[in-house]
């Protein structure tokens, strides 16, 4: 049997361990991305009698890609160039 334990830290209000034997790794990642799981202390994967800390792996899988500012400027300049071409075609 395999399941995940997600420990949520509520600060002064305490902690909560969310244990659902039916939840998959993909669902844990989806809940992290959606913001349902916040302030995560740790995520453990329990398989048979072994416990593995998978916090870093799941948070890395759930992270949104980092877009460099230079890439955004390149895209904007391409749009500007296309707009200029259309403007000159109409004239």
Protein backbone atom coordinates (compact mmCIF):
# COMPACT_ATOMS: atom_id res chain seq x y z
CA UNK A 1 0.00 0.00 0.00
CA UNK A 2 1.24 3.47 -0.90
CA UNK A 3 -0.02 6.83 0.34
CA UNK A 4 1.10 10.39 1.01
CA UNK A 5 1.16 12.41 4.22
CA UNK A 6 1.06 16.19 3.73
CA UNK A 7 1.84 18.18 6.88
CA UNK A 8 0.35 21.68 6.83
CA UNK A 9 1.64 24.26 9.33
CA UNK A 10 -0.96 26.79 10.50
CA UNK A 11 1.48 28.67 12.72
CA UNK A 12 0.08 29.40 16.16
CA UNK A 13 -3.05 27.40 15.38
CA UNK A 14 -1.04 24.19 15.05
CA UNK A 15 -0.43 21.62 12.35
CA UNK A 16 -2.57 19.25 10.36
CA UNK A 17 -1.52 16.00 8.70
CA UNK A 18 -3.58 15.21 5.63
CA UNK A 19 -3.59 11.49 4.96
CA UNK A 20 -5.70 10.07 2.15
CA UNK A 21 -4.83 6.55 0.98
CA UNK A 22 -6.64 7.11 -2.33
CA UNK A 23 -4.74 10.24 -3.41
CA UNK A 24 -2.01 9.86 -6.02
CA UNK A 25 1.22 11.78 -6.49
CA UNK A 26 -0.36 13.62 -9.43
CA UNK A 27 -3.27 14.74 -7.23
CA UNK A 28 -0.89 15.97 -4.51
CA UNK A 29 0.96 18.04 -7.13
CA UNK A 30 -2.34 19.38 -8.48
CA UNK A 31 -3.43 20.44 -4.99
CA UNK A 32 -0.11 22.22 -4.40
CA UNK A 33 -0.43 24.04 -7.73
CA UNK A 34 -4.04 25.05 -7.05
CA UNK A 35 -3.12 26.47 -3.65
CA UNK A 36 -5.24 24.00 -1.71
CA UNK A 37 -2.09 22.89 0.12
CA UNK A 38 -0.21 25.91 1.51
CA UNK A 39 2.44 26.31 4.19
CA UNK A 40 3.63 22.75 3.71
CA UNK A 41 6.02 21.50 6.38
CA UNK A 42 6.75 18.23 4.62
CA UNK A 43 5.33 15.60 2.31
CA UNK A 44 6.10 11.97 3.03
CA UNK A 45 5.47 9.04 0.73
CA UNK A 46 4.72 5.87 2.65
CA UNK A 47 5.14 2.65 0.72
CA UNK A 48 4.72 -0.61 2.63
CA UNK A 49 6.88 0.05 5.69
CA UNK A 50 9.26 2.59 4.12
CA UNK A 51 8.94 6.36 4.54
CA UNK A 52 10.50 8.78 2.06
CA UNK A 53 10.57 12.57 2.26
CA UNK A 54 9.41 13.73 -1.20
CA UNK A 55 8.78 17.39 -0.32
CA UNK A 56 11.44 18.86 -2.59
CA UNK A 57 10.51 16.63 -5.53
CA UNK A 58 6.80 17.43 -5.37
CA UNK A 59 7.36 21.16 -4.87
CA UNK A 60 9.74 21.16 -7.84
CA UNK A 61 7.16 19.34 -9.98
CA UNK A 62 4.49 21.81 -8.87
CA UNK A 63 6.58 24.93 -9.54
CA UNK A 64 5.54 27.15 -12.40
CA UNK A 65 8.20 27.74 -15.03
CA UNK A 66 10.29 30.84 -14.46
CA UNK A 67 10.06 33.19 -17.44
CA UNK A 68 13.10 35.37 -17.91
CA UNK A 69 12.44 39.07 -18.51
CA UNK A 70 14.56 38.99 -21.67
CA UNK A 71 12.27 36.33 -23.18
CA UNK A 72 9.21 38.48 -22.49
CA UNK A 73 10.84 41.44 -24.22
CA UNK A 74 11.65 39.32 -27.27
CA UNK A 75 8.05 38.26 -27.58
CA UNK A 76 6.81 41.84 -27.25
CA UNK A 77 9.27 43.06 -29.87
CA UNK A 78 8.10 40.32 -32.27
CA UNK A 79 4.51 41.50 -31.82
CA UNK A 80 5.59 45.10 -32.42
CA UNK A 81 7.41 44.07 -35.57
CA UNK A 82 4.36 42.21 -36.93
CA UNK A 83 2.14 45.21 -36.14
CA UNK A 84 4.54 47.52 -38.02
CA UNK A 85 4.53 45.19 -41.03
CA UNK A 86 0.72 45.18 -41.14
CA UNK A 87 0.65 48.96 -40.78
CA UNK A 88 3.02 49.41 -43.76
CA UNK A 89 1.05 46.94 -45.89
CA UNK A 90 -2.11 49.02 -45.46
CA UNK A 91 -0.42 52.26 -46.50
